[in-house]
């Protein structure tokens, strides 16, 4: 099913055009409007209404639309898993996910492409981006604290770095050890 054809639109339709086409078709095909119609016409309108609703759902969500455009340019939609979720009262909602099911690929190149697509999908998820931003803020904060600690150290230790301070401590320790050694030289 081509979502653009269902709504009677071209691939470069704006969100406003998609919403307007959906509104017109939803009013025309809504099951309540066809409640007194013959069963065949009522069923046909219900199926079309579901298709229009699914097309609207996919094409108004930027991520779903980009994924749909990418997948529809590569292969027919028969490779996708479609299921229907029922809400009762004779109405249901159909969801199409563009994650390919196993088989039917062109070998290793297709597997690499699929792995790359999955990685790209994961890297662009909101949770991943949030985790990366938190980790970046944490590491940035640690860098600022480290620079602040170095500045604080130098301010209180006569502009010496930590390494210079440790060298002077070692020198002082060696000097005090030499002074405390007993002067016991055996003369022969």
N, C-alpha and C. Protein backbone atom coordinates (compact mmCIF):
# COMPACT_ATOMS: atom_id res chain seq x y z
N UNK A 1 0.85 -1.18 0.00
CA UNK A 1 0.00 0.00 0.00
C UNK A 1 0.89 1.23 0.00
N UNK A 2 0.68 2.12 -0.96
CA UNK A 2 1.42 3.37 -1.04
C UNK A 2 0.64 4.44 -0.29
N UNK A 3 1.21 4.93 0.80
CA UNK A 3 0.51 5.91 1.64
C UNK A 3 0.20 7.20 0.88
N UNK A 4 1.09 7.58 -0.02
CA UNK A 4 0.84 8.81 -0.78
C UNK A 4 -0.35 8.63 -1.73
N UNK A 5 -0.45 7.46 -2.37
CA UNK A 5 -1.57 7.20 -3.27
C UNK A 5 -2.88 7.13 -2.50
N UNK A 6 -2.83 6.54 -1.30
CA UNK A 6 -4.04 6.43 -0.47
C UNK A 6 -4.61 7.81 -0.19
N UNK A 7 -3.72 8.78 0.10
CA UNK A 7 -4.18 10.14 0.38
C UNK A 7 -4.29 11.00 -0.87
N UNK A 8 -3.87 10.46 -2.02
CA UNK A 8 -3.95 11.21 -3.27
C UNK A 8 -2.94 12.34 -3.33
N UNK A 9 -1.73 12.10 -2.83
CA UNK A 9 -0.70 13.14 -2.76
C UNK A 9 0.57 12.69 -3.47
N UNK A 10 1.45 13.65 -3.69
CA UNK A 10 2.78 13.35 -4.22
C UNK A 10 3.75 13.22 -3.05
N UNK A 11 4.95 12.69 -3.32
CA UNK A 11 5.94 12.46 -2.27
C UNK A 11 6.44 13.75 -1.61
N UNK A 12 6.35 14.86 -2.28
CA UNK A 12 6.84 16.11 -1.71
C UNK A 12 5.72 16.93 -1.05
N UNK A 13 4.63 16.30 -0.66
CA UNK A 13 3.52 17.00 -0.03
C UNK A 13 3.93 17.52 1.35
N UNK A 14 3.43 18.69 1.69
CA UNK A 14 3.74 19.27 3.01
C UNK A 14 2.83 18.66 4.07
N UNK A 15 3.15 18.92 5.34
CA UNK A 15 2.31 18.40 6.42
C UNK A 15 0.90 18.98 6.35
N UNK A 16 0.79 20.23 5.96
CA UNK A 16 -0.52 20.86 5.85
C UNK A 16 -1.35 20.17 4.76
N UNK A 17 -0.72 19.83 3.64
CA UNK A 17 -1.43 19.14 2.56
C UNK A 17 -1.85 17.74 3.02
N UNK A 18 -0.98 17.07 3.77
CA UNK A 18 -1.31 15.73 4.28
C UNK A 18 -2.50 15.81 5.22
N UNK A 19 -2.48 16.78 6.12
CA UNK A 19 -3.58 16.92 7.09
C UNK A 19 -4.89 17.23 6.38
N UNK A 20 -4.84 18.11 5.37
CA UNK A 20 -6.06 18.48 4.64
C UNK A 20 -6.62 17.28 3.88
N UNK A 21 -5.73 16.52 3.21
CA UNK A 21 -6.19 15.34 2.47
C UNK A 21 -6.78 14.31 3.42
N UNK A 22 -6.15 14.11 4.58
CA UNK A 22 -6.68 13.17 5.57
C UNK A 22 -8.05 13.62 6.06
N UNK A 23 -8.17 14.91 6.38
CA UNK A 23 -9.45 15.41 6.89
C UNK A 23 -10.57 15.17 5.89
N UNK A 24 -10.32 15.48 4.63
CA UNK A 24 -11.36 15.30 3.61
C UNK A 24 -11.74 13.82 3.46
N UNK A 25 -10.74 12.95 3.39
CA UNK A 25 -11.03 11.53 3.24
C UNK A 25 -11.65 10.92 4.49
N UNK A 26 -11.24 11.38 5.66
CA UNK A 26 -11.80 10.85 6.92
C UNK A 26 -13.28 11.19 7.02
N UNK A 27 -13.63 12.41 6.63
CA UNK A 27 -15.05 12.79 6.65
C UNK A 27 -15.84 11.95 5.66
N UNK A 28 -15.26 11.72 4.49
CA UNK A 28 -15.94 10.97 3.45
C UNK A 28 -16.07 9.47 3.79
N UNK A 29 -15.04 8.89 4.45
CA UNK A 29 -14.99 7.44 4.66
C UNK A 29 -15.29 6.99 6.08
N UNK A 30 -15.57 7.88 6.98
CA UNK A 30 -15.74 7.49 8.39
C UNK A 30 -16.85 6.44 8.53
N UNK A 31 -16.62 5.40 9.32
CA UNK A 31 -17.61 4.32 9.47
C UNK A 31 -18.97 4.80 9.97
N UNK A 32 -19.02 5.82 10.80
CA UNK A 32 -20.31 6.34 11.29
C UNK A 32 -21.15 6.91 10.15
N UNK A 33 -20.51 7.48 9.15
CA UNK A 33 -21.23 8.04 8.01
C UNK A 33 -21.86 6.94 7.15
N UNK A 34 -21.28 5.74 7.19
CA UNK A 34 -21.76 4.64 6.37
C UNK A 34 -22.51 3.59 7.17
N UNK A 35 -23.01 3.94 8.33
CA UNK A 35 -23.69 2.96 9.18
C UNK A 35 -25.00 2.46 8.54
N UNK A 36 -25.64 3.29 7.72
CA UNK A 36 -26.89 2.86 7.08
C UNK A 36 -26.66 2.31 5.67
N UNK A 37 -25.44 2.30 5.21
CA UNK A 37 -25.11 1.80 3.87
C UNK A 37 -25.14 0.29 3.84
N UNK A 38 -25.20 -0.30 2.64
CA UNK A 38 -25.12 -1.76 2.52
C UNK A 38 -23.80 -2.28 3.08
N UNK A 39 -23.79 -3.53 3.52
CA UNK A 39 -22.64 -4.11 4.20
C UNK A 39 -21.36 -4.01 3.35
N UNK A 40 -21.42 -4.31 2.08
CA UNK A 40 -20.23 -4.28 1.21
C UNK A 40 -19.65 -2.86 1.16
N UNK A 41 -20.53 -1.88 0.99
CA UNK A 41 -20.06 -0.49 0.93
C UNK A 41 -19.50 -0.05 2.29
N UNK A 42 -20.17 -0.45 3.36
CA UNK A 42 -19.73 -0.11 4.72
C UNK A 42 -18.35 -0.73 5.01
N UNK A 43 -18.18 -2.00 4.63
CA UNK A 43 -16.89 -2.67 4.85
C UNK A 43 -15.78 -2.04 4.01
N UNK A 44 -16.10 -1.70 2.78
CA UNK A 44 -15.13 -1.06 1.91
C UNK A 44 -14.69 0.30 2.48
N UNK A 45 -15.66 1.08 2.97
CA UNK A 45 -15.35 2.38 3.55
C UNK A 45 -14.52 2.23 4.82
N UNK A 46 -14.81 1.20 5.61
CA UNK A 46 -14.05 0.97 6.84
C UNK A 46 -12.61 0.61 6.53
N UNK A 47 -12.39 -0.25 5.54
CA UNK A 47 -11.03 -0.63 5.15
C UNK A 47 -10.29 0.59 4.63
N UNK A 48 -10.93 1.36 3.78
CA UNK A 48 -10.30 2.58 3.24
C UNK A 48 -10.00 3.58 4.35
N UNK A 49 -10.91 3.71 5.33
CA UNK A 49 -10.70 4.63 6.45
C UNK A 49 -9.47 4.20 7.25
N UNK A 50 -9.30 2.90 7.46
CA UNK A 50 -8.13 2.39 8.17
C UNK A 50 -6.86 2.69 7.39
N UNK A 51 -6.91 2.51 6.07
CA UNK A 51 -5.74 2.80 5.25
C UNK A 51 -5.38 4.28 5.30
N UNK A 52 -6.40 5.13 5.22
CA UNK A 52 -6.18 6.58 5.27
C UNK A 52 -5.60 6.97 6.64
N UNK A 53 -6.11 6.36 7.71
CA UNK A 53 -5.60 6.66 9.06
C UNK A 53 -4.15 6.23 9.20
N UNK A 54 -3.82 5.05 8.69
CA UNK A 54 -2.44 4.57 8.76
C UNK A 54 -1.51 5.47 7.95
N UNK A 55 -1.94 5.86 6.76
CA UNK A 55 -1.12 6.73 5.92
C UNK A 55 -0.89 8.07 6.62
N UNK A 56 -1.92 8.61 7.23
CA UNK A 56 -1.79 9.88 7.96
C UNK A 56 -0.82 9.73 9.13
N UNK A 57 -0.94 8.64 9.87
CA UNK A 57 -0.08 8.39 11.02
C UNK A 57 1.39 8.33 10.60
N UNK A 58 1.69 7.67 9.51
CA UNK A 58 3.07 7.52 9.05
C UNK A 58 3.59 8.82 8.45
N UNK A 59 2.81 9.48 7.61
CA UNK A 59 3.31 10.64 6.88
C UNK A 59 3.39 11.92 7.70
N UNK A 60 2.69 11.99 8.83
CA UNK A 60 2.79 13.20 9.66
C UNK A 60 3.92 13.10 10.69
N UNK A 61 4.43 11.92 10.94
CA UNK A 61 5.57 11.74 11.84
C UNK A 61 6.84 11.79 10.99
N UNK A 62 7.71 12.77 11.24
CA UNK A 62 8.89 12.96 10.39
C UNK A 62 9.78 11.72 10.32
N UNK A 63 10.02 11.09 11.45
CA UNK A 63 10.89 9.91 11.46
C UNK A 63 10.25 8.75 10.70
N UNK A 64 8.95 8.50 10.94
CA UNK A 64 8.27 7.41 10.25
C UNK A 64 8.20 7.68 8.75
N UNK A 65 7.99 8.95 8.40
CA UNK A 65 7.90 9.30 6.98
C UNK A 65 9.24 9.10 6.28
N UNK A 66 10.32 9.53 6.91
CA UNK A 66 11.65 9.34 6.31
C UNK A 66 11.96 7.86 6.16
N UNK A 67 11.64 7.09 7.19
CA UNK A 67 11.87 5.64 7.12
C UNK A 67 11.01 5.01 6.03
N UNK A 68 9.75 5.43 5.95
CA UNK A 68 8.84 4.90 4.92
C UNK A 68 9.36 5.25 3.52
N UNK A 69 9.78 6.51 3.32
CA UNK A 69 10.29 6.92 2.01
C UNK A 69 11.53 6.13 1.64
N UNK A 70 12.42 5.94 2.61
CA UNK A 70 13.64 5.18 2.35
C UNK A 70 13.33 3.73 2.00
N UNK A 71 12.48 3.10 2.81
CA UNK A 71 12.16 1.69 2.58
C UNK A 71 11.35 1.49 1.29
N UNK A 72 10.44 2.40 1.01
CA UNK A 72 9.60 2.23 -0.18
C UNK A 72 10.41 2.44 -1.46
N UNK A 73 11.51 3.18 -1.37
CA UNK A 73 12.35 3.36 -2.56
C UNK A 73 13.24 2.15 -2.80
N UNK A 74 13.41 1.28 -1.79
CA UNK A 74 14.30 0.13 -1.91
C UNK A 74 13.60 -1.15 -2.34
N UNK A 75 12.43 -1.44 -1.79
CA UNK A 75 11.76 -2.72 -2.08
C UNK A 75 10.27 -2.58 -1.83
N UNK A 76 9.50 -3.51 -2.36
CA UNK A 76 8.04 -3.44 -2.15
C UNK A 76 7.67 -3.69 -0.69
N UNK A 77 6.49 -3.26 -0.31
CA UNK A 77 6.04 -3.34 1.08
C UNK A 77 5.63 -4.73 1.53
N UNK A 78 5.68 -5.71 0.64
CA UNK A 78 5.28 -7.05 1.03
C UNK A 78 6.26 -7.68 2.01
N UNK A 79 7.47 -7.10 2.17
CA UNK A 79 8.46 -7.64 3.11
C UNK A 79 8.25 -7.15 4.54
N UNK A 80 7.27 -6.31 4.77
CA UNK A 80 7.11 -5.71 6.09
C UNK A 80 6.04 -6.42 6.89
N UNK A 81 6.19 -6.34 8.17
CA UNK A 81 5.28 -7.01 9.10
C UNK A 81 4.14 -6.04 9.43
N UNK A 82 2.92 -6.42 9.14
CA UNK A 82 1.75 -5.59 9.45
C UNK A 82 0.88 -6.34 10.43
N UNK A 83 0.44 -5.66 11.46
CA UNK A 83 -0.50 -6.28 12.38
C UNK A 83 -1.57 -5.27 12.73
N UNK A 84 -2.70 -5.76 13.20
CA UNK A 84 -3.82 -4.89 13.53
C UNK A 84 -4.11 -5.00 15.01
N UNK A 85 -4.25 -3.86 15.66
CA UNK A 85 -4.57 -3.79 17.07
C UNK A 85 -6.02 -3.36 17.18
N UNK A 86 -6.82 -4.12 17.90
CA UNK A 86 -8.26 -3.83 18.00
C UNK A 86 -8.55 -3.03 19.26
N UNK A 87 -9.41 -2.03 19.13
CA UNK A 87 -9.81 -1.20 20.26
C UNK A 87 -11.26 -1.43 20.66
N UNK A 88 -11.91 -2.40 20.05
CA UNK A 88 -13.30 -2.67 20.38
C UNK A 88 -14.25 -1.84 19.53
N UNK A 89 -15.52 -2.09 19.62
CA UNK A 89 -16.58 -1.39 18.89
C UNK A 89 -16.40 -1.47 17.38
N UNK A 90 -15.69 -2.49 16.91
CA UNK A 90 -15.56 -2.67 15.46
C UNK A 90 -14.47 -1.83 14.82
N UNK A 91 -13.76 -1.04 15.62
CA UNK A 91 -12.70 -0.19 15.06
C UNK A 91 -11.35 -0.78 15.42
N UNK A 92 -10.40 -0.64 14.55
CA UNK A 92 -9.06 -1.13 14.84
C UNK A 92 -8.06 -0.22 14.16
N UNK A 93 -6.81 -0.42 14.51
CA UNK A 93 -5.75 0.41 13.95
C UNK A 93 -4.66 -0.51 13.44
N UNK A 94 -4.23 -0.28 12.22
CA UNK A 94 -3.21 -1.12 11.62
C UNK A 94 -1.87 -0.40 11.71
N UNK A 95 -0.85 -1.11 12.13
CA UNK A 95 0.49 -0.53 12.22
C UNK A 95 1.41 -1.28 11.28
N UNK A 96 2.20 -0.56 10.52
CA UNK A 96 3.18 -1.18 9.64
C UNK A 96 4.55 -0.78 10.13
N UNK A 97 5.37 -1.76 10.41
CA UNK A 97 6.74 -1.49 10.82
C UNK A 97 7.65 -1.86 9.68
N UNK A 98 8.65 -1.04 9.44
CA UNK A 98 9.51 -1.24 8.28
C UNK A 98 10.74 -2.06 8.61
N UNK A 99 10.79 -2.71 9.74
CA UNK A 99 11.91 -3.58 10.03
C UNK A 99 11.73 -4.87 9.25
N UNK A 100 12.72 -5.20 8.43
CA UNK A 100 12.61 -6.37 7.58
C UNK A 100 12.60 -7.64 8.38
N UNK A 101 11.84 -8.58 7.90
CA UNK A 101 11.89 -9.92 8.47
C UNK A 101 12.99 -10.68 7.76
N UNK A 102 13.44 -11.78 8.33
CA UNK A 102 14.57 -12.53 7.79
C UNK A 102 14.35 -13.06 6.39
N UNK A 103 15.45 -13.25 5.67
CA UNK A 103 15.42 -13.87 4.35
C UNK A 103 15.18 -12.87 3.24
N UNK A 104 15.41 -13.32 2.02
CA UNK A 104 15.10 -12.50 0.85
C UNK A 104 16.10 -11.42 0.57
N UNK A 105 17.28 -11.46 1.15
CA UNK A 105 18.26 -10.41 0.94
C UNK A 105 19.23 -10.78 -0.16
N UNK A 106 20.18 -9.90 -0.41
CA UNK A 106 21.16 -10.15 -1.46
C UNK A 106 22.49 -10.55 -0.86
N UNK A 107 22.50 -11.21 0.27
CA UNK A 107 23.74 -11.73 0.83
C UNK A 107 24.37 -10.81 1.85
N UNK A 108 25.72 -10.81 1.85
CA UNK A 108 26.48 -10.08 2.86
C UNK A 108 26.29 -8.58 2.74
N UNK A 109 26.18 -8.06 1.52
CA UNK A 109 26.01 -6.61 1.36
C UNK A 109 24.70 -6.16 1.97
N UNK A 110 23.66 -6.95 1.79
CA UNK A 110 22.36 -6.61 2.38
C UNK A 110 22.42 -6.67 3.90
N UNK A 111 23.15 -7.65 4.44
CA UNK A 111 23.31 -7.76 5.89
C UNK A 111 24.06 -6.57 6.45
N UNK A 112 25.09 -6.11 5.76
CA UNK A 112 25.84 -4.94 6.21
C UNK A 112 24.97 -3.70 6.15
N UNK A 113 24.18 -3.59 5.10
CA UNK A 113 23.28 -2.45 4.98
C UNK A 113 22.26 -2.47 6.10
N UNK A 114 21.72 -3.64 6.38
CA UNK A 114 20.74 -3.76 7.45
C UNK A 114 21.36 -3.45 8.80
N UNK A 115 22.59 -3.91 9.03
CA UNK A 115 23.28 -3.62 10.29
C UNK A 115 23.52 -2.13 10.42
N UNK A 116 23.93 -1.50 9.32
CA UNK A 116 24.15 -0.05 9.33
C UNK A 116 22.85 0.70 9.61
N UNK A 117 21.77 0.27 8.96
CA UNK A 117 20.48 0.90 9.19
C UNK A 117 20.06 0.76 10.64
N UNK A 118 20.25 -0.43 11.21
CA UNK A 118 19.90 -0.64 12.62
C UNK A 118 20.75 0.23 13.54
N UNK A 119 22.05 0.34 13.24
CA UNK A 119 22.92 1.20 14.03
C UNK A 119 22.47 2.65 13.92
N UNK A 120 22.17 3.08 12.71
CA UNK A 120 21.71 4.46 12.51
C UNK A 120 20.41 4.71 13.24
N UNK A 121 19.49 3.74 13.19
CA UNK A 121 18.23 3.86 13.92
C UNK A 121 18.47 4.00 15.42
N UNK A 122 19.41 3.19 15.95
CA UNK A 122 19.71 3.22 17.39
C UNK A 122 20.38 4.54 17.77
N UNK A 123 21.32 5.00 16.95
CA UNK A 123 22.06 6.22 17.27
C UNK A 123 21.16 7.45 17.23
N UNK A 124 20.08 7.39 16.48
CA UNK A 124 19.19 8.55 16.39
C UNK A 124 18.00 8.47 17.33
N UNK A 125 17.97 7.50 18.22
CA UNK A 125 16.87 7.43 19.18
C UNK A 125 17.04 8.49 20.24
N UNK A 126 15.95 8.91 20.79
CA UNK A 126 15.96 9.95 21.82
C UNK A 126 16.74 9.50 23.05
N UNK A 127 16.58 8.24 23.46
CA UNK A 127 17.27 7.74 24.65
C UNK A 127 18.78 7.75 24.45
N UNK A 128 19.25 7.32 23.28
CA UNK A 128 20.69 7.32 23.02
C UNK A 128 21.23 8.75 23.05
N UNK A 129 20.55 9.66 22.38
CA UNK A 129 21.02 11.05 22.35
C UNK A 129 21.00 11.67 23.74
N UNK A 130 20.00 11.33 24.55
CA UNK A 130 19.95 11.83 25.92
C UNK A 130 21.13 11.28 26.72
N UNK A 131 21.41 9.99 26.59
CA UNK A 131 22.55 9.40 27.31
C UNK A 131 23.87 10.02 26.88
N UNK A 132 24.04 10.26 25.59
CA UNK A 132 25.26 10.89 25.10
C UNK A 132 25.40 12.30 25.65
N UNK A 133 24.30 13.04 25.70
CA UNK A 133 24.38 14.41 26.22
C UNK A 133 24.69 14.42 27.71
N UNK A 134 24.12 13.48 28.46
CA UNK A 134 24.43 13.40 29.90
C UNK A 134 25.89 13.02 30.10
N UNK A 135 26.37 12.04 29.33
CA UNK A 135 27.78 11.64 29.44
C UNK A 135 28.70 12.81 29.05
N UNK A 136 28.34 13.55 28.01
CA UNK A 136 29.13 14.70 27.61
C UNK A 136 29.16 15.78 28.68
N UNK A 137 28.01 16.03 29.29
CA UNK A 137 27.95 17.02 30.37
C UNK A 137 28.80 16.56 31.56
N UNK A 138 28.73 15.27 31.88
CA UNK A 138 29.51 14.73 32.99
C UNK A 138 31.00 14.86 32.72
N UNK A 139 31.44 14.45 31.51
CA UNK A 139 32.87 14.55 31.18
C UNK A 139 33.32 16.00 31.10
N UNK A 140 32.48 16.87 30.56
CA UNK A 140 32.81 18.30 30.53
C UNK A 140 32.94 18.86 31.93
N UNK A 141 32.04 18.46 32.81
CA UNK A 141 32.11 18.90 34.20
C UNK A 141 33.37 18.41 34.87
N UNK A 142 33.75 17.15 34.59
CA UNK A 142 34.99 16.62 35.18
C UNK A 142 36.21 17.39 34.67
N UNK A 143 36.21 17.76 33.40
CA UNK A 143 37.33 18.52 32.85
C UNK A 143 37.41 19.89 33.51
N UNK A 144 36.29 20.53 33.72
CA UNK A 144 36.27 21.85 34.38
C UNK A 144 36.76 21.72 35.81
N UNK A 145 36.30 20.69 36.52
CA UNK A 145 36.75 20.48 37.90
C UNK A 145 38.25 20.22 37.94
N UNK A 146 38.76 19.41 37.01
CA UNK A 146 40.19 19.13 36.96
C UNK A 146 40.99 20.39 36.72
N UNK A 147 40.56 21.22 35.77
CA UNK A 147 41.27 22.48 35.51
C UNK A 147 41.21 23.40 36.73
N UNK A 148 40.06 23.41 37.39
CA UNK A 148 39.91 24.23 38.59
C UNK A 148 40.80 23.73 39.71
N UNK A 149 40.92 22.41 39.84
CA UNK A 149 41.78 21.83 40.88
C UNK A 149 43.24 22.19 40.62
N UNK A 150 43.67 22.11 39.35
CA UNK A 150 45.05 22.49 39.02
C UNK A 150 45.31 23.95 39.34
N UNK A 151 44.38 24.82 38.99
CA UNK A 151 44.54 26.24 39.29
C UNK A 151 44.57 26.46 40.80
N UNK A 152 43.72 25.78 41.54
CA UNK A 152 43.68 25.91 43.00
C UNK A 152 45.00 25.43 43.60
N UNK A 153 45.54 24.31 43.09
CA UNK A 153 46.80 23.77 43.59
C UNK A 153 47.92 24.78 43.38
N UNK A 154 48.03 25.31 42.16
CA UNK A 154 49.10 26.27 41.87
C UNK A 154 48.95 27.54 42.69
N UNK A 155 47.74 27.97 42.93
CA UNK A 155 47.51 29.19 43.70
C UNK A 155 48.01 29.02 45.14
N UNK A 156 47.88 27.85 45.71
CA UNK A 156 48.26 27.62 47.10
C UNK A 156 49.64 26.98 47.25
N UNK A 157 50.35 26.73 46.15
CA UNK A 157 51.66 26.10 46.23
C UNK A 157 52.69 26.85 45.40
N UNK A 158 52.69 28.15 45.53
CA UNK A 158 53.69 29.02 44.90
C UNK A 158 53.88 28.75 43.41
N UNK A 159 52.77 28.59 42.70
CA UNK A 159 52.80 28.38 41.24
C UNK A 159 53.57 27.13 40.82
N UNK A 160 53.71 26.16 41.70
CA UNK A 160 54.36 24.90 41.35
C UNK A 160 53.30 23.90 40.92
N UNK A 161 53.67 23.09 39.95
CA UNK A 161 52.76 22.02 39.58
C UNK A 161 52.86 20.91 40.62
N UNK A 162 51.99 19.96 40.56
CA UNK A 162 52.00 18.85 41.51
C UNK A 162 53.30 18.08 41.40
N UNK A 163 53.76 17.85 40.16
CA UNK A 163 55.00 17.11 39.95
C UNK A 163 56.18 17.85 40.55
N UNK A 164 56.24 19.18 40.36
CA UNK A 164 57.33 19.97 40.94
C UNK A 164 57.29 19.91 42.46
N UNK A 165 56.12 19.96 43.02
CA UNK A 165 55.98 19.88 44.47
C UNK A 165 56.46 18.53 44.98
N UNK A 166 56.12 17.45 44.26
CA UNK A 166 56.56 16.12 44.69
C UNK A 166 58.09 15.98 44.60
N UNK A 167 58.72 16.57 43.57
CA UNK A 167 60.18 16.54 43.47
C UNK A 167 60.83 17.25 44.64
N UNK A 168 60.28 18.40 45.00
CA UNK A 168 60.87 19.13 46.13
C UNK A 168 60.66 18.37 47.45
N UNK A 169 59.55 17.65 47.58
CA UNK A 169 59.32 16.83 48.78
C UNK A 169 60.35 15.71 48.83
N UNK A 170 60.62 15.04 47.69
CA UNK A 170 61.62 13.97 47.65
C UNK A 170 63.01 14.50 48.00
N UNK A 171 63.35 15.68 47.47
CA UNK A 171 64.65 16.28 47.77
C UNK A 171 64.77 16.56 49.26
N UNK A 172 63.71 17.09 49.83
CA UNK A 172 63.73 17.39 51.26
C UNK A 172 63.85 16.12 52.08
N UNK A 173 63.19 15.06 51.65
CA UNK A 173 63.24 13.78 52.36
C UNK A 173 64.64 13.20 52.31
N UNK A 174 65.27 13.24 51.12
CA UNK A 174 66.64 12.74 50.96
C UNK A 174 67.59 13.56 51.82
N UNK A 175 67.40 14.87 51.83
CA UNK A 175 68.26 15.77 52.60
C UNK A 175 68.14 15.47 54.10
N UNK A 176 66.93 15.26 54.60
CA UNK A 176 66.74 14.97 56.03
C UNK A 176 67.29 13.60 56.38
N UNK A 177 67.19 12.64 55.47
CA UNK A 177 67.75 11.30 55.72
C UNK A 177 69.27 11.36 55.83
N UNK A 178 69.90 12.17 54.98
CA UNK A 178 71.36 12.30 55.01
C UNK A 178 71.81 12.96 56.31
N UNK A 179 71.04 13.92 56.79
CA UNK A 179 71.42 14.62 58.02
C UNK A 179 71.23 13.73 59.24
N UNK A 180 70.27 12.85 59.21
CA UNK A 180 70.01 12.02 60.38
C UNK A 180 70.87 10.77 60.44
N UNK A 181 71.60 10.46 59.39
CA UNK A 181 72.48 9.30 59.40
C UNK A 181 73.62 9.54 60.39
N UNK A 182 73.95 8.53 61.18
CA UNK A 182 75.08 8.73 62.09
C UNK A 182 76.40 8.74 61.31
N UNK A 183 77.24 9.56 61.75
CA UNK A 183 78.54 9.70 61.07
C UNK A 183 79.48 8.65 61.61
N UNK A 184 79.29 7.44 61.19
CA UNK A 184 80.13 6.32 61.68
C UNK A 184 81.01 5.84 60.54
N UNK A 185 82.09 6.47 60.45
CA UNK A 185 83.07 6.02 59.47
C UNK A 185 84.16 5.29 60.24
N UNK A 186 84.46 4.14 59.78
CA UNK A 186 85.50 3.35 60.43
C UNK A 186 86.83 3.73 59.77
N UNK A 187 87.75 4.14 60.61
CA UNK A 187 89.06 4.49 60.05
C UNK A 187 90.00 3.30 60.22
N UNK A 188 90.72 3.05 59.25
CA UNK A 188 91.61 1.92 59.33
C UNK A 188 93.06 2.32 59.41
